[in-house]
Amino acid sequence: MPIKVLVVDDSALIRKVLSEIIQSDSSLLLVGAAPDAYVAKRMVQEFRPDVITLDIEMPKVDGLRFLEVMMKAVPTPVVMISTLTESGANATLRALELGAVDFMAKPKLGVAQGMNDYAHTIIQKVKAAAKSKLSHPTETRCSKHAAMRYTGTEKLIGIGASTGGTEAIKDVIMHFPKNAPATVISQHMPPGFTTTYAKRLDSLCEVTVREAKGGERLLPGYAYLAPGHRHLKVERSGADYRLALDDGPKVSGHKPSVDVMFNSLAEHAGENAVGVLLTGMGRDGAMGLKAMKEKGAITFCQDEESCLIYGMPKAAVEIDAASYVLSLADISDAILDTLERLGAGSRL
């Protein structure tokens, strides 16, 4: 059966573009194109779509309010269509918190090759959303690690994710104590969104979260997020670890690439690092996690049951890159237990 798709956008032109993209793939079936939340509500009830593409900025009832109500009444996988602005990034991150599966920038009209690439990506995202497991708001859990028994600069944590990763990463690092080892993060996101995401994490977490600038010395109690369209690497500088940003081509189809970050941890940190691969579409991070494990690092993958998209972790598990496969709820404590057991630096 084809995947039933509903397009919701207040712009007639964007509705037309998205509708034509959906109709171009025989495995997708466009069931409707709604100009506002009221029409969308009727179409959801009538057609029961498998996936909805949803504009955030709509008159009368905005996309966030529609999403919040719909996820309670008729939970449905949603791909948000967002503007690449700071306000758009904030709204998109809120949509992901409310249960949206993924997001996509609004199409840039008039560039043929650009539109071809856009169409390919949106079709991929819609198909992945149809297979996804709908997430639920993260329950507040108490970590047993109010503070780690050890501190120092010797140990590092590397976390990689893609689709579904904004919420999964948040769930993991919200339970890190303020003196947790330095953490580096690569999440597939465009420029601007990473800046907003880092600020959002920083407001929620005990550790200090910053978008990486390059050249920073990695410090305990800090988490560094790869900026959109830059690879994040860890390098050794004497007794210290420092960050480097790489503007090279995409690796494993992405920039920032989790593989690039994990490979740098394998090369420069070896057994002093812990690798974590969370939910995401594709294979990015699998080979890098394998490299970390081969250099003595303890590695974790999120299990299928708790993944929104079991793609990247599955690829890693298939090549024996994971020391442990755990549910999202268990990963943060397992990471910290491992680091305490290994002795993350000098005793307090």
C-alpha atoms as a PDB file:
ATOM      1  CA  MET A   1       0.000   0.000   0.000  1.00  0.00           C
ATOM      2  CA  PRO A   2       1.299   3.482  -0.791  1.00  0.00           C
ATOM      3  CA  ILE A   3       2.105   5.872   2.047  1.00  0.00           C
ATOM      4  CA  LYS A   4      -0.750   8.365   2.446  1.00  0.00           C
ATOM      5  CA  VAL A   5       0.586  11.920   2.777  1.00  0.00           C
ATOM      6  CA  LEU A   6      -1.209  15.129   3.764  1.00  0.00           C
ATOM      7  CA  VAL A   7       0.426  18.500   2.988  1.00  0.00           C
ATOM      8  CA  VAL A   8      -0.457  21.393   5.311  1.00  0.00           C
ATOM      9  CA  ASP A   9       0.823  24.867   4.368  1.00  0.00           C
ATOM     10  CA  ASP A  10      -0.763  28.309   4.108  1.00  0.00           C
ATOM     11  CA  SER A  11       1.200  29.144   0.940  1.00  0.00           C
ATOM     12  CA  ALA A  12      -0.553  27.987  -2.237  1.00  0.00           C
ATOM     13  CA  LEU A  13       2.805  27.866  -4.035  1.00  0.00           C
ATOM     14  CA  ILE A  14       4.476  25.705  -1.368  1.00  0.00           C
ATOM     15  CA  ARG A  15       1.434  23.413  -1.288  1.00  0.00           C
ATOM     16  CA  LYS A  16       1.735  23.007  -5.053  1.00  0.00           C
ATOM     17  CA  VAL A  17       5.492  22.296  -4.906  1.00  0.00           C
ATOM     18  CA  LEU A  18       5.210  19.763  -2.066  1.00  0.00           C
ATOM     19  CA  SER A  19       2.176  18.117  -3.664  1.00  0.00           C
ATOM     20  CA  GLU A  20       4.049  17.664  -6.960  1.00  0.00           C
ATOM     21  CA  ILE A  21       7.035  16.174  -5.113  1.00  0.00           C
ATOM     22  CA  ILE A  22       4.811  13.687  -3.277  1.00  0.00           C
ATOM     23  CA  GLN A  23       2.992  12.749  -6.483  1.00  0.00           C
ATOM     24  CA  SER A  24       6.309  12.136  -8.291  1.00  0.00           C
ATOM     25  CA  ASP A  25       6.970   8.989  -6.229  1.00  0.00           C
ATOM     26  CA  SER A  26       4.757   5.960  -6.866  1.00  0.00           C
ATOM     27  CA  SER A  27       5.132   4.693  -3.298  1.00  0.00           C
ATOM     28  CA  LEU A  28       3.532   7.898  -1.939  1.00  0.00           C
ATOM     29  CA  LEU A  29      -0.124   8.907  -2.250  1.00  0.00           C
ATOM     30  CA  LEU A  30      -1.145  12.542  -1.810  1.00  0.00           C
ATOM     31  CA  VAL A  31      -4.498  12.511   0.008  1.00  0.00           C
ATOM     32  CA  GLY A  32      -4.883  16.269   0.369  1.00  0.00           C
ATOM     33  CA  ALA A  33      -3.297  19.712   0.647  1.00  0.00           C
ATOM     34  CA  ALA A  34      -4.705  21.895   3.429  1.00  0.00           C
ATOM     35  CA  PRO A  35      -4.243  25.692   3.679  1.00  0.00           C
ATOM     36  CA  ASP A  36      -4.842  25.902   7.431  1.00  0.00           C
ATOM     37  CA  ALA A  37      -5.310  23.910  10.618  1.00  0.00           C
ATOM     38  CA  TYR A  38      -9.109  23.758  10.349  1.00  0.00           C
ATOM     39  CA  VAL A  39      -9.072  22.143   6.908  1.00  0.00           C
ATOM     40  CA  ALA A  40      -6.154  19.930   8.015  1.00  0.00           C
ATOM     41  CA  LYS A  41      -8.153  18.676  11.000  1.00  0.00           C
ATOM     42  CA  ARG A  42     -11.031  17.604   8.730  1.00  0.00           C
ATOM     43  CA  MET A  43      -8.630  15.915   6.310  1.00  0.00           C
ATOM     44  CA  VAL A  44      -6.857  14.039   9.108  1.00  0.00           C
ATOM     45  CA  GLN A  45     -10.206  12.710  10.303  1.00  0.00           C
ATOM     46  CA  GLU A  46     -11.332  11.794   6.772  1.00  0.00           C
ATOM     47  CA  PHE A  47      -8.170  10.348   5.246  1.00  0.00           C
ATOM     48  CA  ARG A  48      -6.116   9.157   8.256  1.00  0.00           C
ATOM     49  CA  PRO A  49      -2.789  10.006   6.571  1.00  0.00           C
ATOM     50  CA  ASP A  50       0.334   7.991   7.364  1.00  0.00           C
ATOM     51  CA  VAL A  51       2.533  11.123   7.308  1.00  0.00           C
ATOM     52  CA  ILE A  52       1.847  14.870   7.435  1.00  0.00           C
ATOM     53  CA  THR A  53       4.118  17.654   6.210  1.00  0.00           C
ATOM     54  CA  LEU A  54       3.284  20.620   8.409  1.00  0.00           C
ATOM     55  CA  ASP A  55       4.076  24.318   8.077  1.00  0.00           C
ATOM     56  CA  ILE A  56       4.902  26.009  11.372  1.00  0.00           C
ATOM     57  CA  GLU A  57       3.766  29.514  10.463  1.00  0.00           C
ATOM     58  CA  MET A  58       0.055  29.462   9.613  1.00  0.00           C
ATOM     59  CA  PRO A  59      -2.811  31.916  10.220  1.00  0.00           C
ATOM     60  CA  LYS A  60      -5.571  31.324  12.787  1.00  0.00           C
ATOM     61  CA  VAL A  61      -3.951  28.295  14.456  1.00  0.00           C
ATOM     62  CA  ASP A  62      -0.185  27.901  14.046  1.00  0.00           C
ATOM     63  CA  GLY A  63       1.521  24.617  13.287  1.00  0.00           C
ATOM     64  CA  LEU A  64       2.744  24.060  16.830  1.00  0.00           C
ATOM     65  CA  ARG A  65      -0.730  24.302  18.341  1.00  0.00           C
ATOM     66  CA  PHE A  66      -2.168  22.040  15.647  1.00  0.00           C
ATOM     67  CA  LEU A  67       0.634  19.522  16.236  1.00  0.00           C
ATOM     68  CA  GLU A  68       0.144  19.532  20.008  1.00  0.00           C
ATOM     69  CA  VAL A  69      -3.591  18.872  19.731  1.00  0.00           C
ATOM     70  CA  MET A  70      -3.268  16.298  16.955  1.00  0.00           C
ATOM     71  CA  MET A  71      -0.570  14.250  18.712  1.00  0.00           C
ATOM     72  CA  LYS A  72      -2.948  13.768  21.629  1.00  0.00           C
ATOM     73  CA  ALA A  73      -6.023  13.014  19.515  1.00  0.00           C
ATOM     74  CA  VAL A  74      -4.653  11.207  16.434  1.00  0.00           C
ATOM     75  CA  PRO A  75      -0.891  10.566  16.804  1.00  0.00           C
ATOM     76  CA  THR A  76       0.614  10.768  13.313  1.00  0.00           C
ATOM     77  CA  PRO A  77       4.208  11.026  12.054  1.00  0.00           C
ATOM     78  CA  VAL A  78       4.920  14.647  11.099  1.00  0.00           C
ATOM     79  CA  VAL A  79       7.705  16.268   9.085  1.00  0.00           C
ATOM     80  CA  MET A  80       7.837  19.993   9.893  1.00  0.00           C
ATOM     81  CA  ILE A  81       8.471  22.469   7.065  1.00  0.00           C
ATOM     82  CA  SER A  82      10.462  25.291   8.633  1.00  0.00           C
ATOM     83  CA  THR A  83      12.150  28.577   7.807  1.00  0.00           C
ATOM     84  CA  LEU A  84      15.906  28.682   8.418  1.00  0.00           C
ATOM     85  CA  THR A  85      15.714  31.528  10.920  1.00  0.00           C
ATOM     86  CA  GLU A  86      16.321  31.747  14.658  1.00  0.00           C
ATOM     87  CA  SER A  87      12.586  31.924  15.361  1.00  0.00           C
ATOM     88  CA  GLY A  88      12.033  29.081  12.906  1.00  0.00           C
ATOM     89  CA  ALA A  89      14.706  27.010  14.656  1.00  0.00           C
ATOM     90  CA  ASN A  90      13.131  27.597  18.067  1.00  0.00           C
ATOM     91  CA  ALA A  91       9.697  26.609  16.779  1.00  0.00           C
ATOM     92  CA  THR A  92      11.088  23.537  15.026  1.00  0.00           C
ATOM     93  CA  LEU A  93      12.868  22.314  18.148  1.00  0.00           C
ATOM     94  CA  ARG A  94       9.640  22.798  20.075  1.00  0.00           C
ATOM     95  CA  ALA A  95       7.825  20.757  17.400  1.00  0.00           C
ATOM     96  CA  LEU A  96      10.310  17.919  17.853  1.00  0.00           C
ATOM     97  CA  GLU A  97       9.665  18.063  21.605  1.00  0.00           C
ATOM     98  CA  LEU A  98       5.934  17.757  20.869  1.00  0.00           C
ATOM     99  CA  GLY A  99       6.506  14.602  18.846  1.00  0.00           C
ATOM    100  CA  ALA A 100       7.325  15.636  15.260  1.00  0.00           C
ATOM    101  CA  VAL A 101       9.608  13.079  13.613  1.00  0.00           C
ATOM    102  CA  ASP A 102      11.791  15.349  11.490  1.00  0.00           C
ATOM    103  CA  PHE A 103      11.998  18.729   9.815  1.00  0.00           C
ATOM    104  CA  MET A 104      12.903  20.210   6.461  1.00  0.00           C
ATOM    105  CA  ALA A 105      13.630  23.748   5.335  1.00  0.00           C
ATOM    106  CA  LYS A 106      11.111  25.409   3.034  1.00  0.00           C
ATOM    107  CA  PRO A 107      12.060  24.835  -0.611  1.00  0.00           C
ATOM    108  CA  LYS A 108      14.091  27.474  -2.425  1.00  0.00           C
ATOM    109  CA  LEU A 109      12.143  27.924  -5.626  1.00  0.00           C
ATOM    110  CA  GLY A 110      13.612  28.542  -9.064  1.00  0.00           C
ATOM    111  CA  VAL A 111      16.842  26.509  -8.952  1.00  0.00           C
ATOM    112  CA  ALA A 112      16.305  23.272 -10.884  1.00  0.00           C
ATOM    113  CA  GLN A 113      19.142  21.187  -9.404  1.00  0.00           C
ATOM    114  CA  GLY A 114      18.404  22.532  -5.947  1.00  0.00           C
ATOM    115  CA  MET A 115      14.773  21.490  -6.301  1.00  0.00           C
ATOM    116  CA  ASN A 116      15.783  18.013  -7.482  1.00  0.00           C
ATOM    117  CA  ASP A 117      17.957  17.575  -4.385  1.00  0.00           C
ATOM    118  CA  TYR A 118      15.184  18.970  -2.195  1.00  0.00           C
ATOM    119  CA  ALA A 119      12.605  16.598  -3.697  1.00  0.00           C
ATOM    120  CA  HIS A 120      14.873  13.598  -3.117  1.00  0.00           C
ATOM    121  CA  THR A 121      15.440  14.588   0.519  1.00  0.00           C
ATOM    122  CA  ILE A 122      11.802  15.292   1.356  1.00  0.00           C
ATOM    123  CA  ILE A 123      10.742  11.947  -0.160  1.00  0.00           C
ATOM    124  CA  GLN A 124      13.384  10.178   1.946  1.00  0.00           C
ATOM    125  CA  LYS A 125      12.200  11.943   5.086  1.00  0.00           C
ATOM    126  CA  VAL A 126       8.537  11.166   4.436  1.00  0.00           C
ATOM    127  CA  LYS A 127       9.302   7.473   3.875  1.00  0.00           C
ATOM    128  CA  ALA A 128      11.427   7.328   7.028  1.00  0.00           C
ATOM    129  CA  ALA A 129       8.703   9.090   9.027  1.00  0.00           C
ATOM    130  CA  ALA A 130       6.179   6.486   7.885  1.00  0.00           C
ATOM    131  CA  LYS A 131       8.362   3.754   9.422  1.00  0.00           C
ATOM    132  CA  SER A 132       9.215   5.684  12.592  1.00  0.00           C
ATOM    133  CA  LYS A 133       8.070   5.032  16.126  1.00  0.00           C
ATOM    134  CA  LEU A 134       6.323   8.069  17.516  1.00  0.00           C
ATOM    135  CA  SER A 135       8.190   9.550  20.447  1.00  0.00           C
ATOM    136  CA  HIS A 136       6.712  10.689  23.703  1.00  0.00           C
ATOM    137  CA  PRO A 137       7.820  13.633  25.826  1.00  0.00           C
ATOM    138  CA  THR A 138      10.834  12.664  27.902  1.00  0.00           C
ATOM    139  CA  GLU A 139       9.924  11.709  31.420  1.00  0.00           C
ATOM    140  CA  THR A 140      11.965  13.392  34.113  1.00  0.00           C
ATOM    141  CA  ARG A 141      14.310  10.774  35.513  1.00  0.00           C
ATOM    142  CA  CYS A 142      16.683  11.138  38.404  1.00  0.00           C
ATOM    143  CA  SER A 143      20.229  10.096  37.630  1.00  0.00           C
ATOM    144  CA  LYS A 144      22.141   8.468  40.470  1.00  0.00           C
ATOM    145  CA  HIS A 145      25.150  10.558  39.437  1.00  0.00           C
ATOM    146  CA  ALA A 146      24.513  13.851  41.246  1.00  0.00           C
ATOM    147  CA  ALA A 147      28.272  14.288  40.900  1.00  0.00           C
ATOM    148  CA  MET A 148      30.886  11.944  39.554  1.00  0.00           C
ATOM    149  CA  ARG A 149      33.389  10.475  41.954  1.00  0.00           C
ATOM    150  CA  TYR A 150      36.184  11.369  39.576  1.00  0.00           C
ATOM    151  CA  THR A 151      37.027  14.363  37.447  1.00  0.00           C
ATOM    152  CA  GLY A 152      39.781  15.334  35.077  1.00  0.00           C
ATOM    153  CA  THR A 153      40.558  16.003  31.426  1.00  0.00           C
ATOM    154  CA  GLU A 154      41.656  12.502  30.419  1.00  0.00           C
ATOM    155  CA  LYS A 155      38.261  11.018  29.504  1.00  0.00           C
ATOM    156  CA  LEU A 156      35.977  12.151  26.683  1.00  0.00           C
ATOM    157  CA  ILE A 157      32.430  11.298  25.583  1.00  0.00           C
ATOM    158  CA  GLY A 158      31.395  11.408  21.919  1.00  0.00           C
ATOM    159  CA  ILE A 159      27.701  11.345  20.931  1.00  0.00           C
ATOM    160  CA  GLY A 160      26.314  11.119  17.396  1.00  0.00           C
ATOM    161  CA  ALA A 161      22.730  11.165  16.118  1.00  0.00           C
ATOM    162  CA  SER A 162      20.434  12.139  13.260  1.00  0.00           C
ATOM    163  CA  THR A 163      16.637  11.834  12.895  1.00  0.00           C
ATOM    164  CA  GLY A 164      15.104  11.848  16.374  1.00  0.00           C
ATOM    165  CA  GLY A 165      18.459  12.815  17.847  1.00  0.00           C
ATOM    166  CA  THR A 166      17.611  16.247  19.215  1.00  0.00           C
ATOM    167  CA  GLU A 167      15.375  14.706  21.861  1.00  0.00           C
ATOM    168  CA  ALA A 168      17.561  11.627  22.403  1.00  0.00           C
ATOM    169  CA  ILE A 169      20.703  13.713  22.973  1.00  0.00           C
ATOM    170  CA  LYS A 170      18.776  15.943  25.343  1.00  0.00           C
ATOM    171  CA  ASP A 171      17.604  12.900  27.292  1.00  0.00           C
ATOM    172  CA  VAL A 172      21.174  11.615  27.666  1.00  0.00           C
ATOM    173  CA  ILE A 173      23.037  14.766  28.647  1.00  0.00           C
ATOM    174  CA  MET A 174      20.293  16.141  30.888  1.00  0.00           C
ATOM    175  CA  HIS A 175      21.385  13.401  33.287  1.00  0.00           C
ATOM    176  CA  PHE A 176      25.088  14.252  33.211  1.00  0.00           C
ATOM    177  CA  PRO A 177      26.364  15.884  36.427  1.00  0.00           C
ATOM    178  CA  LYS A 178      28.030  19.277  36.217  1.00  0.00           C
ATOM    179  CA  ASN A 179      31.531  17.735  36.454  1.00  0.00           C
ATOM    180  CA  ALA A 180      30.990  15.078  33.770  1.00  0.00           C
ATOM    181  CA  PRO A 181      33.864  14.541  31.330  1.00  0.00           C
ATOM    182  CA  ALA A 182      33.993  16.797  28.260  1.00  0.00           C
ATOM    183  CA  THR A 183      31.429  15.737  25.673  1.00  0.00           C
ATOM    184  CA  VAL A 184      31.477  16.296  21.910  1.00  0.00           C
ATOM    185  CA  ILE A 185      28.276  15.990  19.879  1.00  0.00           C
ATOM    186  CA  SER A 186      27.536  15.708  16.160  1.00  0.00           C
ATOM    187  CA  GLN A 187      23.853  15.965  15.252  1.00  0.00           C
ATOM    188  CA  HIS A 188      22.742  16.321  11.630  1.00  0.00           C
ATOM    189  CA  MET A 189      21.322  19.862  11.547  1.00  0.00           C
ATOM    190  CA  PRO A 190      21.668  22.910   9.292  1.00  0.00           C
ATOM    191  CA  PRO A 191      23.526  26.117  10.295  1.00  0.00           C
ATOM    192  CA  GLY A 192      21.573  28.314  12.688  1.00  0.00           C
ATOM    193  CA  PHE A 193      19.629  25.378  14.082  1.00  0.00           C
ATOM    194  CA  THR A 194      22.738  24.133  15.912  1.00  0.00           C
ATOM    195  CA  THR A 195      23.201  27.546  17.543  1.00  0.00           C
ATOM    196  CA  THR A 196      19.618  27.513  18.818  1.00  0.00           C
ATOM    197  CA  TYR A 197      19.827  23.850  19.840  1.00  0.00           C
ATOM    198  CA  ALA A 198      23.005  24.441  21.866  1.00  0.00           C
ATOM    199  CA  LYS A 199      21.329  27.323  23.719  1.00  0.00           C
ATOM    200  CA  ARG A 200      18.276  25.162  24.414  1.00  0.00           C
ATOM    201  CA  LEU A 201      20.389  22.311  25.795  1.00  0.00           C
ATOM    202  CA  ASP A 202      22.427  24.725  27.874  1.00  0.00           C
ATOM    203  CA  SER A 203      19.248  26.021  29.547  1.00  0.00           C
ATOM    204  CA  LEU A 204      18.192  22.472  30.486  1.00  0.00           C
ATOM    205  CA  CYS A 205      21.414  20.726  31.489  1.00  0.00           C
ATOM    206  CA  GLU A 206      23.811  20.731  34.430  1.00  0.00           C
ATOM    207  CA  VAL A 207      26.741  20.708  32.020  1.00  0.00           C
ATOM    208  CA  THR A 208      27.476  23.851  30.001  1.00  0.00           C
ATOM    209  CA  VAL A 209      26.566  23.363  26.325  1.00  0.00           C
ATOM    210  CA  ARG A 210      28.205  25.429  23.596  1.00  0.00           C
ATOM    211  CA  GLU A 211      28.277  25.382  19.822  1.00  0.00           C
ATOM    212  CA  ALA A 212      31.894  24.572  18.903  1.00  0.00           C
ATOM    213  CA  LYS A 213      33.984  27.435  17.512  1.00  0.00           C
ATOM    214  CA  GLY A 214      37.247  25.538  16.958  1.00  0.00           C
ATOM    215  CA  GLY A 215      40.419  25.716  19.018  1.00  0.00           C
ATOM    216  CA  GLU A 216      38.732  25.259  22.410  1.00  0.00           C
ATOM    217  CA  ARG A 217      40.411  23.159  25.064  1.00  0.00           C
ATOM    218  CA  LEU A 218      38.007  20.400  26.101  1.00  0.00           C
ATOM    219  CA  LEU A 219      37.024  20.848  29.723  1.00  0.00           C
ATOM    220  CA  PRO A 220      35.033  18.715  32.193  1.00  0.00           C
ATOM    221  CA  GLY A 221      31.511  19.976  32.660  1.00  0.00           C
ATOM    222  CA  TYR A 222      31.213  21.167  29.046  1.00  0.00           C
ATOM    223  CA  ALA A 223      29.482  19.730  25.984  1.00  0.00           C
ATOM    224  CA  TYR A 224      30.427  20.986  22.522  1.00  0.00           C
ATOM    225  CA  LEU A 225      28.002  20.742  19.584  1.00  0.00           C
ATOM    226  CA  ALA A 226      29.238  20.569  15.983  1.00  0.00           C
ATOM    227  CA  PRO A 227      27.985  23.619  14.054  1.00  0.00           C
ATOM    228  CA  GLY A 228      25.844  23.015  10.969  1.00  0.00           C
ATOM    229  CA  HIS A 229      27.933  22.449   7.818  1.00  0.00           C
ATOM    230  CA  ARG A 230      31.196  21.895   9.728  1.00  0.00           C
ATOM    231  CA  HIS A 231      32.799  18.617  10.767  1.00  0.00           C
ATOM    232  CA  LEU A 232      33.876  18.492  14.415  1.00  0.00           C
ATOM    233  CA  LYS A 233      37.198  16.832  15.271  1.00  0.00           C
ATOM    234  CA  VAL A 234      39.083  16.214  18.490  1.00  0.00           C
ATOM    235  CA  GLU A 235      42.860  16.676  18.397  1.00  0.00           C
ATOM    236  CA  ARG A 236      45.603  16.173  20.970  1.00  0.00           C
ATOM    237  CA  SER A 237      47.668  19.191  22.000  1.00  0.00           C
ATOM    238  CA  GLY A 238      50.295  18.124  24.522  1.00  0.00           C
ATOM    239  CA  ALA A 239      48.395  16.983  27.597  1.00  0.00           C
ATOM    240  CA  ASP A 240      45.159  18.590  26.398  1.00  0.00           C
ATOM    241  CA  TYR A 241      42.429  17.773  23.919  1.00  0.00           C
ATOM    242  CA  ARG A 242      41.302  20.580  21.624  1.00  0.00           C
ATOM    243  CA  LEU A 243      38.522  21.030  19.083  1.00  0.00           C
ATOM    244  CA  ALA A 244      39.023  21.566  15.379  1.00  0.00           C
ATOM    245  CA  LEU A 245      36.423  22.411  12.726  1.00  0.00           C
ATOM    246  CA  ASP A 246      36.752  20.999   9.214  1.00  0.00           C
ATOM    247  CA  ASP A 247      35.076  22.586   6.174  1.00  0.00           C
ATOM    248  CA  GLY A 248      35.784  19.609   3.918  1.00  0.00           C
ATOM    249  CA  PRO A 249      33.246  17.687   1.821  1.00  0.00           C
ATOM    250  CA  LYS A 250      30.405  15.618   3.242  1.00  0.00           C
ATOM    251  CA  VAL A 251      31.387  12.293   4.768  1.00  0.00           C
ATOM    252  CA  SER A 252      28.901   9.399   4.898  1.00  0.00           C
ATOM    253  CA  GLY A 253      26.494  11.820   3.230  1.00  0.00           C
ATOM    254  CA  HIS A 254      26.614  14.390   6.008  1.00  0.00           C
ATOM    255  CA  LYS A 255      28.315  17.517   7.287  1.00  0.00           C
ATOM    256  CA  PRO A 256      28.757  17.484  10.218  1.00  0.00           C
ATOM    257  CA  SER A 257      29.525  13.775  10.044  1.00  0.00           C
ATOM    258  CA  VAL A 258      29.484  11.519  13.085  1.00  0.00           C
ATOM    259  CA  ASP A 259      32.091   9.301  11.399  1.00  0.00           C
ATOM    260  CA  VAL A 260      34.556  12.208  11.201  1.00  0.00           C
ATOM    261  CA  MET A 261      34.142  12.966  14.919  1.00  0.00           C
ATOM    262  CA  PHE A 262      34.339   9.316  16.011  1.00  0.00           C
ATOM    263  CA  ASN A 263      37.414   8.677  13.842  1.00  0.00           C
ATOM    264  CA  SER A 264      39.194  11.629  15.456  1.00  0.00           C
ATOM    265  CA  LEU A 265      38.341  10.264  18.906  1.00  0.00           C
ATOM    266  CA  ALA A 266      39.663   6.844  17.891  1.00  0.00           C
ATOM    267  CA  GLU A 267      42.917   8.366  16.649  1.00  0.00           C
ATOM    268  CA  HIS A 268      43.608  10.845  19.445  1.00  0.00           C
ATOM    269  CA  ALA A 269      41.770   9.534  22.528  1.00  0.00           C
ATOM    270  CA  GLY A 270      41.575   5.762  22.011  1.00  0.00           C
ATOM    271  CA  GLU A 271      40.597   3.964  25.213  1.00  0.00           C
ATOM    272  CA  ASN A 272      40.155   7.315  26.989  1.00  0.00           C
ATOM    273  CA  ALA A 273      36.932   7.924  25.047  1.00  0.00           C
ATOM    274  CA  VAL A 274      33.391   6.578  25.193  1.00  0.00           C
ATOM    275  CA  GLY A 275      31.348   6.511  21.972  1.00  0.00           C
ATOM    276  CA  VAL A 276      27.557   6.759  21.819  1.00  0.00           C
ATOM    277  CA  LEU A 277      25.450   6.338  18.660  1.00  0.00           C
ATOM    278  CA  LEU A 278      21.776   7.263  18.907  1.00  0.00           C
ATOM    279  CA  THR A 279      18.711   7.227  16.644  1.00  0.00           C
ATOM    280  CA  GLY A 280      19.087   8.245  13.014  1.00  0.00           C
ATOM    281  CA  MET A 281      18.550   7.393   9.367  1.00  0.00           C
ATOM    282  CA  GLY A 282      21.412   5.945   7.310  1.00  0.00           C
ATOM    283  CA  ARG A 283      24.837   4.622   8.307  1.00  0.00           C
ATOM    284  CA  ASP A 284      26.808   7.677   9.483  1.00  0.00           C
ATOM    285  CA  GLY A 285      28.760   6.896  12.642  1.00  0.00           C
ATOM    286  CA  ALA A 286      28.859   3.106  12.290  1.00  0.00           C
ATOM    287  CA  MET A 287      32.384   2.820  10.895  1.00  0.00           C
ATOM    288  CA  GLY A 288      33.678   5.551  13.213  1.00  0.00           C
ATOM    289  CA  LEU A 289      32.221   3.777  16.240  1.00  0.00           C
ATOM    290  CA  LYS A 290      33.872   0.570  15.061  1.00  0.00           C
ATOM    291  CA  ALA A 291      37.211   2.419  14.860  1.00  0.00           C
ATOM    292  CA  MET A 292      36.749   3.676  18.428  1.00  0.00           C
ATOM    293  CA  LYS A 293      35.992   0.190  19.716  1.00  0.00           C
ATOM    294  CA  GLU A 294      39.045  -1.234  17.950  1.00  0.00           C
ATOM    295  CA  LYS A 295      41.207   1.399  19.690  1.00  0.00           C
ATOM    296  CA  GLY A 296      39.917   0.314  23.115  1.00  0.00           C
ATOM    297  CA  ALA A 297      36.979   2.666  23.631  1.00  0.00           C
ATOM    298  CA  ILE A 298      33.734   1.473  25.253  1.00  0.00           C
ATOM    299  CA  THR A 299      30.901   2.040  22.786  1.00  0.00           C
ATOM    300  CA  PHE A 300      27.120   2.241  23.168  1.00  0.00           C
ATOM    301  CA  CYS A 301      24.257   2.026  20.689  1.00  0.00           C
ATOM    302  CA  GLN A 302      20.626   2.887  21.307  1.00  0.00           C
ATOM    303  CA  ASP A 303      18.373  -0.152  20.947  1.00  0.00           C
ATOM    304  CA  GLU A 304      15.699  -0.592  18.286  1.00  0.00           C
ATOM    305  CA  GLU A 305      12.768  -0.312  20.678  1.00  0.00           C
ATOM    306  CA  SER A 306      13.677   3.173  21.913  1.00  0.00           C
ATOM    307  CA  CYS A 307      14.907   4.560  18.550  1.00  0.00           C
ATOM    308  CA  LEU A 308      12.692   6.830  16.498  1.00  0.00           C
ATOM    309  CA  ILE A 309      14.635   5.580  13.439  1.00  0.00           C
ATOM    310  CA  TYR A 310      16.749   2.439  13.909  1.00  0.00           C
ATOM    311  CA  GLY A 311      19.172   3.119  11.071  1.00  0.00           C
ATOM    312  CA  MET A 312      22.546   4.364  12.296  1.00  0.00           C
ATOM    313  CA  PRO A 313      22.624   2.210  15.467  1.00  0.00           C
ATOM    314  CA  LYS A 314      21.500  -0.832  13.459  1.00  0.00           C
ATOM    315  CA  ALA A 315      24.353  -0.316  10.979  1.00  0.00           C
ATOM    316  CA  ALA A 316      26.820  -0.146  13.874  1.00  0.00           C
ATOM    317  CA  VAL A 317      25.428  -3.242  15.610  1.00  0.00           C
ATOM    318  CA  GLU A 318      25.631  -5.205  12.347  1.00  0.00           C
ATOM    319  CA  ILE A 319      29.404  -4.627  12.133  1.00  0.00           C
ATOM    320  CA  ASP A 320      29.990  -5.345  15.840  1.00  0.00           C
ATOM    321  CA  ALA A 321      30.822  -1.712  16.647  1.00  0.00           C
ATOM    322  CA  ALA A 322      28.835  -1.635  19.899  1.00  0.00           C
ATOM    323  CA  SER A 323      30.142  -2.837  23.242  1.00  0.00           C
ATOM    324  CA  TYR A 324      26.609  -2.452  24.613  1.00  0.00           C
ATOM    325  CA  VAL A 325      23.142  -1.968  23.083  1.00  0.00           C
ATOM    326  CA  LEU A 326      20.827  -0.236  25.552  1.00  0.00           C
ATOM    327  CA  SER A 327      17.526   1.604  25.760  1.00  0.00           C
ATOM    328  CA  LEU A 328      17.677   5.388  25.748  1.00  0.00           C
ATOM    329  CA  ALA A 329      16.557   5.439  29.377  1.00  0.00           C
ATOM    330  CA  ASP A 330      19.613   3.401  30.436  1.00  0.00           C
ATOM    331  CA  ILE A 331      22.378   4.972  28.355  1.00  0.00           C
ATOM    332  CA  SER A 332      23.319   8.019  30.446  1.00  0.00           C
ATOM    333  CA  ASP A 333      23.835   6.048  33.665  1.00  0.00           C
ATOM    334  CA  ALA A 334      25.678   3.306  31.759  1.00  0.00           C
ATOM    335  CA  ILE A 335      28.098   5.874  30.300  1.00  0.00           C
ATOM    336  CA  LEU A 336      28.803   7.387  33.706  1.00  0.00           C
ATOM    337  CA  ASP A 337      29.074   3.986  35.406  1.00  0.00           C
ATOM    338  CA  THR A 338      31.654   3.000  32.790  1.00  0.00           C
ATOM    339  CA  LEU A 339      33.670   6.184  33.281  1.00  0.00           C
ATOM    340  CA  GLU A 340      33.638   5.857  37.064  1.00  0.00           C
ATOM    341  CA  ARG A 341      34.722   2.251  36.796  1.00  0.00           C
ATOM    342  CA  LEU A 342      37.591   3.235  34.526  1.00  0.00           C
ATOM    343  CA  GLY A 343      38.483   6.186  36.759  1.00  0.00           C
ATOM    344  CA  ALA A 344      37.868   9.326  34.739  1.00  0.00           C
ATOM    345  CA  GLY A 345      40.884  11.289  35.850  1.00  0.00           C
ATOM    346  CA  SER A 346      42.113  11.940  39.364  1.00  0.00           C
ATOM    347  CA  ARG A 347      40.124  11.316  42.536  1.00  0.00           C
ATOM    348  CA  LEU A 348      38.380  14.375  43.986  1.00  0.00           C
END
